[in-house]
N, C-alpha and C. Protein backbone atom coordinates (compact mmCIF):
# COMPACT_ATOMS: atom_id res chain seq x y z
N MET A 1 136.13 64.40 111.35
CA MET A 1 136.53 63.02 111.35
C MET A 1 135.38 62.11 110.97
N MET A 2 134.22 62.48 111.49
CA MET A 2 133.05 61.66 111.22
C MET A 2 132.71 61.69 109.74
N GLN A 3 132.94 62.84 109.09
CA GLN A 3 132.67 62.96 107.66
C GLN A 3 133.61 62.06 106.85
N ILE A 4 134.86 61.99 107.26
CA ILE A 4 135.84 61.16 106.56
C ILE A 4 135.46 59.69 106.69
N GLU A 5 135.04 59.27 107.88
CA GLU A 5 134.65 57.87 108.10
C GLU A 5 133.41 57.51 107.28
N ILE A 6 132.44 58.42 107.21
CA ILE A 6 131.24 58.17 106.41
C ILE A 6 131.59 58.11 104.94
N THR A 7 132.47 58.98 104.49
CA THR A 7 132.90 59.00 103.09
C THR A 7 133.61 57.70 102.73
N ILE A 8 134.50 57.25 103.61
CA ILE A 8 135.22 56.00 103.38
C ILE A 8 134.23 54.83 103.36
N LEU A 9 133.28 54.83 104.28
CA LEU A 9 132.27 53.78 104.34
C LEU A 9 131.44 53.76 103.05
N ILE A 10 131.03 54.92 102.57
CA ILE A 10 130.26 55.01 101.33
C ILE A 10 131.10 54.52 100.15
N ALA A 11 132.37 54.88 100.13
CA ALA A 11 133.26 54.44 99.05
C ALA A 11 133.43 52.93 99.06
N VAL A 12 133.60 52.34 100.24
CA VAL A 12 133.76 50.89 100.35
C VAL A 12 132.48 50.19 99.91
N VAL A 13 131.33 50.69 100.37
CA VAL A 13 130.05 50.10 99.97
C VAL A 13 129.87 50.22 98.46
N GLY A 14 130.24 51.35 97.90
CA GLY A 14 130.14 51.55 96.45
C GLY A 14 131.01 50.56 95.69
N CYS A 15 132.20 50.30 96.23
CA CYS A 15 133.09 49.31 95.59
C CYS A 15 132.45 47.92 95.61
N PHE A 16 131.87 47.55 96.75
CA PHE A 16 131.23 46.23 96.85
C PHE A 16 130.03 46.12 95.92
N VAL A 17 129.24 47.19 95.83
CA VAL A 17 128.08 47.18 94.93
C VAL A 17 128.54 47.07 93.48
N GLY A 18 129.56 47.81 93.12
CA GLY A 18 130.11 47.74 91.76
C GLY A 18 130.67 46.36 91.45
N LEU A 19 131.40 45.78 92.40
CA LEU A 19 131.97 44.45 92.23
C LEU A 19 130.87 43.40 92.08
N ALA A 20 129.83 43.53 92.90
CA ALA A 20 128.71 42.59 92.82
C ALA A 20 128.01 42.71 91.46
N GLY A 21 127.83 43.90 90.96
CA GLY A 21 127.22 44.09 89.64
C GLY A 21 128.08 43.51 88.53
N TRP A 22 129.37 43.71 88.63
CA TRP A 22 130.29 43.17 87.63
C TRP A 22 130.27 41.65 87.64
N LEU A 23 130.30 41.05 88.82
CA LEU A 23 130.27 39.58 88.93
C LEU A 23 128.95 39.02 88.39
N SER A 24 127.85 39.71 88.67
CA SER A 24 126.55 39.26 88.18
C SER A 24 126.51 39.33 86.65
N GLY A 25 127.00 40.41 86.10
CA GLY A 25 127.04 40.56 84.64
C GLY A 25 127.93 39.51 84.00
N ARG A 26 129.04 39.22 84.64
CA ARG A 26 129.97 38.22 84.13
C ARG A 26 129.30 36.84 84.13
N ASP A 27 128.58 36.52 85.20
CA ASP A 27 127.90 35.23 85.28
C ASP A 27 126.83 35.10 84.19
N LYS A 28 126.09 36.19 83.95
CA LYS A 28 125.08 36.17 82.89
C LYS A 28 125.73 35.98 81.53
N LYS A 29 126.84 36.66 81.31
CA LYS A 29 127.54 36.54 80.03
C LYS A 29 128.05 35.11 79.84
N ILE A 30 128.59 34.52 80.88
CA ILE A 30 129.09 33.15 80.80
C ILE A 30 127.93 32.19 80.51
N ALA A 31 126.80 32.42 81.15
CA ALA A 31 125.63 31.56 80.91
C ALA A 31 125.15 31.69 79.47
N ASN A 32 125.11 32.91 78.95
CA ASN A 32 124.70 33.12 77.55
C ASN A 32 125.70 32.50 76.59
N ASP A 33 126.99 32.65 76.88
CA ASP A 33 128.01 32.05 76.03
C ASP A 33 127.89 30.53 76.04
N SER A 34 127.59 29.97 77.19
CA SER A 34 127.44 28.52 77.29
C SER A 34 126.26 28.04 76.45
N LYS A 35 125.15 28.78 76.50
CA LYS A 35 123.97 28.43 75.69
C LYS A 35 124.33 28.48 74.21
N TRP A 36 125.01 29.55 73.81
CA TRP A 36 125.38 29.73 72.41
C TRP A 36 126.31 28.60 71.97
N ARG A 37 127.31 28.32 72.79
CA ARG A 37 128.25 27.25 72.44
C ARG A 37 127.55 25.90 72.38
N GLY A 38 126.62 25.67 73.27
CA GLY A 38 125.85 24.42 73.24
C GLY A 38 125.06 24.29 71.95
N GLY A 39 124.46 25.38 71.52
CA GLY A 39 123.72 25.37 70.26
C GLY A 39 124.62 25.12 69.07
N VAL A 40 125.77 25.78 69.07
CA VAL A 40 126.73 25.59 67.98
C VAL A 40 127.26 24.16 67.98
N ASP A 41 127.56 23.64 69.15
CA ASP A 41 128.05 22.25 69.24
C ASP A 41 127.00 21.27 68.73
N ALA A 42 125.74 21.51 69.07
CA ALA A 42 124.67 20.62 68.59
C ALA A 42 124.56 20.68 67.08
N LYS A 43 124.66 21.89 66.51
CA LYS A 43 124.60 22.02 65.06
C LYS A 43 125.79 21.35 64.39
N LEU A 44 126.98 21.51 64.97
CA LEU A 44 128.16 20.86 64.41
C LEU A 44 128.04 19.34 64.48
N ASP A 45 127.51 18.83 65.59
CA ASP A 45 127.31 17.39 65.71
C ASP A 45 126.35 16.89 64.62
N THR A 46 125.30 17.67 64.36
CA THR A 46 124.35 17.30 63.32
C THR A 46 125.02 17.30 61.95
N ILE A 47 125.80 18.34 61.69
CA ILE A 47 126.50 18.44 60.40
C ILE A 47 127.48 17.29 60.24
N LEU A 48 128.25 17.01 61.29
CA LEU A 48 129.21 15.92 61.21
C LEU A 48 128.51 14.57 61.05
N GLY A 49 127.36 14.42 61.68
CA GLY A 49 126.58 13.19 61.53
C GLY A 49 126.09 13.03 60.09
N ILE A 50 125.63 14.13 59.51
CA ILE A 50 125.18 14.09 58.11
C ILE A 50 126.36 13.79 57.21
N LYS A 51 127.49 14.39 57.49
CA LYS A 51 128.68 14.14 56.67
C LYS A 51 129.06 12.67 56.74
N SER A 52 129.00 12.09 57.90
CA SER A 52 129.31 10.68 58.07
C SER A 52 128.33 9.82 57.28
N ASP A 53 127.04 10.17 57.34
CA ASP A 53 126.03 9.43 56.59
C ASP A 53 126.28 9.52 55.08
N VAL A 54 126.65 10.70 54.61
CA VAL A 54 126.94 10.88 53.18
C VAL A 54 128.15 10.06 52.77
N GLU A 55 129.18 10.02 53.61
CA GLU A 55 130.36 9.22 53.30
C GLU A 55 130.00 7.74 53.22
N LYS A 56 129.13 7.27 54.12
CA LYS A 56 128.69 5.87 54.07
C LYS A 56 127.93 5.59 52.78
N LEU A 57 127.06 6.53 52.39
CA LEU A 57 126.30 6.36 51.15
C LEU A 57 127.23 6.34 49.94
N ASP A 58 128.25 7.19 49.96
CA ASP A 58 129.22 7.20 48.86
C ASP A 58 129.91 5.84 48.74
N CYS A 59 130.27 5.25 49.86
CA CYS A 59 130.91 3.93 49.84
C CYS A 59 129.95 2.89 49.26
N LYS A 60 128.68 2.96 49.65
CA LYS A 60 127.70 2.02 49.12
C LYS A 60 127.51 2.20 47.61
N VAL A 61 127.46 3.45 47.16
CA VAL A 61 127.30 3.73 45.73
C VAL A 61 128.51 3.19 44.97
N ASP A 62 129.71 3.40 45.49
CA ASP A 62 130.92 2.88 44.85
C ASP A 62 130.87 1.36 44.77
N ASP A 63 130.44 0.72 45.85
CA ASP A 63 130.34 -0.73 45.86
C ASP A 63 129.32 -1.20 44.82
N HIS A 64 128.18 -0.53 44.76
CA HIS A 64 127.16 -0.89 43.78
C HIS A 64 127.67 -0.67 42.36
N GLU A 65 128.44 0.37 42.16
CA GLU A 65 128.99 0.65 40.83
C GLU A 65 129.87 -0.51 40.38
N HIS A 66 130.73 -1.02 41.27
CA HIS A 66 131.61 -2.13 40.92
C HIS A 66 130.79 -3.39 40.64
N ARG A 67 129.77 -3.60 41.44
CA ARG A 67 128.94 -4.80 41.26
C ARG A 67 128.15 -4.71 39.95
N ILE A 68 127.65 -3.55 39.60
CA ILE A 68 126.90 -3.38 38.35
C ILE A 68 127.83 -3.59 37.16
N THR A 69 129.04 -3.08 37.26
CA THR A 69 130.02 -3.28 36.19
C THR A 69 130.29 -4.77 36.00
N ALA A 70 130.43 -5.50 37.07
CA ALA A 70 130.67 -6.95 36.98
C ALA A 70 129.48 -7.65 36.35
N VAL A 71 128.26 -7.25 36.70
CA VAL A 71 127.07 -7.86 36.12
C VAL A 71 126.98 -7.55 34.63
N GLU A 72 127.30 -6.32 34.24
CA GLU A 72 127.29 -5.96 32.82
C GLU A 72 128.28 -6.81 32.03
N GLU A 73 129.47 -6.98 32.57
CA GLU A 73 130.49 -7.80 31.90
C GLU A 73 130.01 -9.24 31.77
N SER A 74 129.40 -9.76 32.81
CA SER A 74 128.88 -11.12 32.78
C SER A 74 127.77 -11.25 31.74
N ALA A 75 126.91 -10.24 31.64
CA ALA A 75 125.83 -10.27 30.66
C ALA A 75 126.39 -10.23 29.24
N LYS A 76 127.44 -9.44 29.01
CA LYS A 76 128.09 -9.40 27.69
C LYS A 76 128.61 -10.77 27.30
N GLN A 77 129.29 -11.41 28.25
CA GLN A 77 129.84 -12.74 27.97
C GLN A 77 128.72 -13.74 27.69
N ALA A 78 127.63 -13.64 28.44
CA ALA A 78 126.50 -14.55 28.22
C ALA A 78 125.90 -14.33 26.83
N HIS A 79 125.78 -13.07 26.41
CA HIS A 79 125.25 -12.78 25.07
C HIS A 79 126.17 -13.34 23.99
N LYS A 80 127.47 -13.21 24.22
CA LYS A 80 128.42 -13.76 23.24
C LYS A 80 128.26 -15.28 23.14
N ARG A 81 128.10 -15.94 24.28
CA ARG A 81 127.93 -17.40 24.28
C ARG A 81 126.61 -17.78 23.59
N ILE A 82 125.56 -17.03 23.89
CA ILE A 82 124.27 -17.31 23.26
C ILE A 82 124.35 -17.10 21.75
N ASP A 83 124.99 -16.02 21.33
CA ASP A 83 125.15 -15.75 19.90
C ASP A 83 125.94 -16.88 19.24
N HIS A 84 126.98 -17.36 19.89
CA HIS A 84 127.80 -18.43 19.35
C HIS A 84 126.98 -19.72 19.23
N ILE A 85 126.15 -20.01 20.23
CA ILE A 85 125.30 -21.19 20.21
C ILE A 85 124.28 -21.08 19.07
N GLN A 86 123.72 -19.90 18.88
CA GLN A 86 122.72 -19.70 17.82
C GLN A 86 123.34 -19.85 16.43
N LYS A 87 124.60 -19.40 16.27
CA LYS A 87 125.26 -19.54 14.97
C LYS A 87 125.53 -21.02 14.66
N ASP A 88 125.84 -21.80 15.71
CA ASP A 88 126.13 -23.21 15.50
C ASP A 88 124.88 -23.98 15.10
N HIS A 89 123.75 -23.56 15.50
CA HIS A 89 122.50 -24.29 15.18
C HIS A 89 121.93 -23.74 13.96
């Protein structure tokens, strides 16, 4: 009887030791996954920030393009007026 009780006690202790090891490993894995996800999130935030900056620059370039086109048209008209004035004199 004493052998059966010792065997059961050893089996129960073994289960607790195994469970404790599994829980510890799980906690370490969760911590590592959290670190990895944090790094990935930081990189994604950086990429999205750069993308946002590029989109803003594209809008500015488009705006400048329209403004340059308007200035070119105005310069053409001014040249035509100057040419007309020179022909009259």
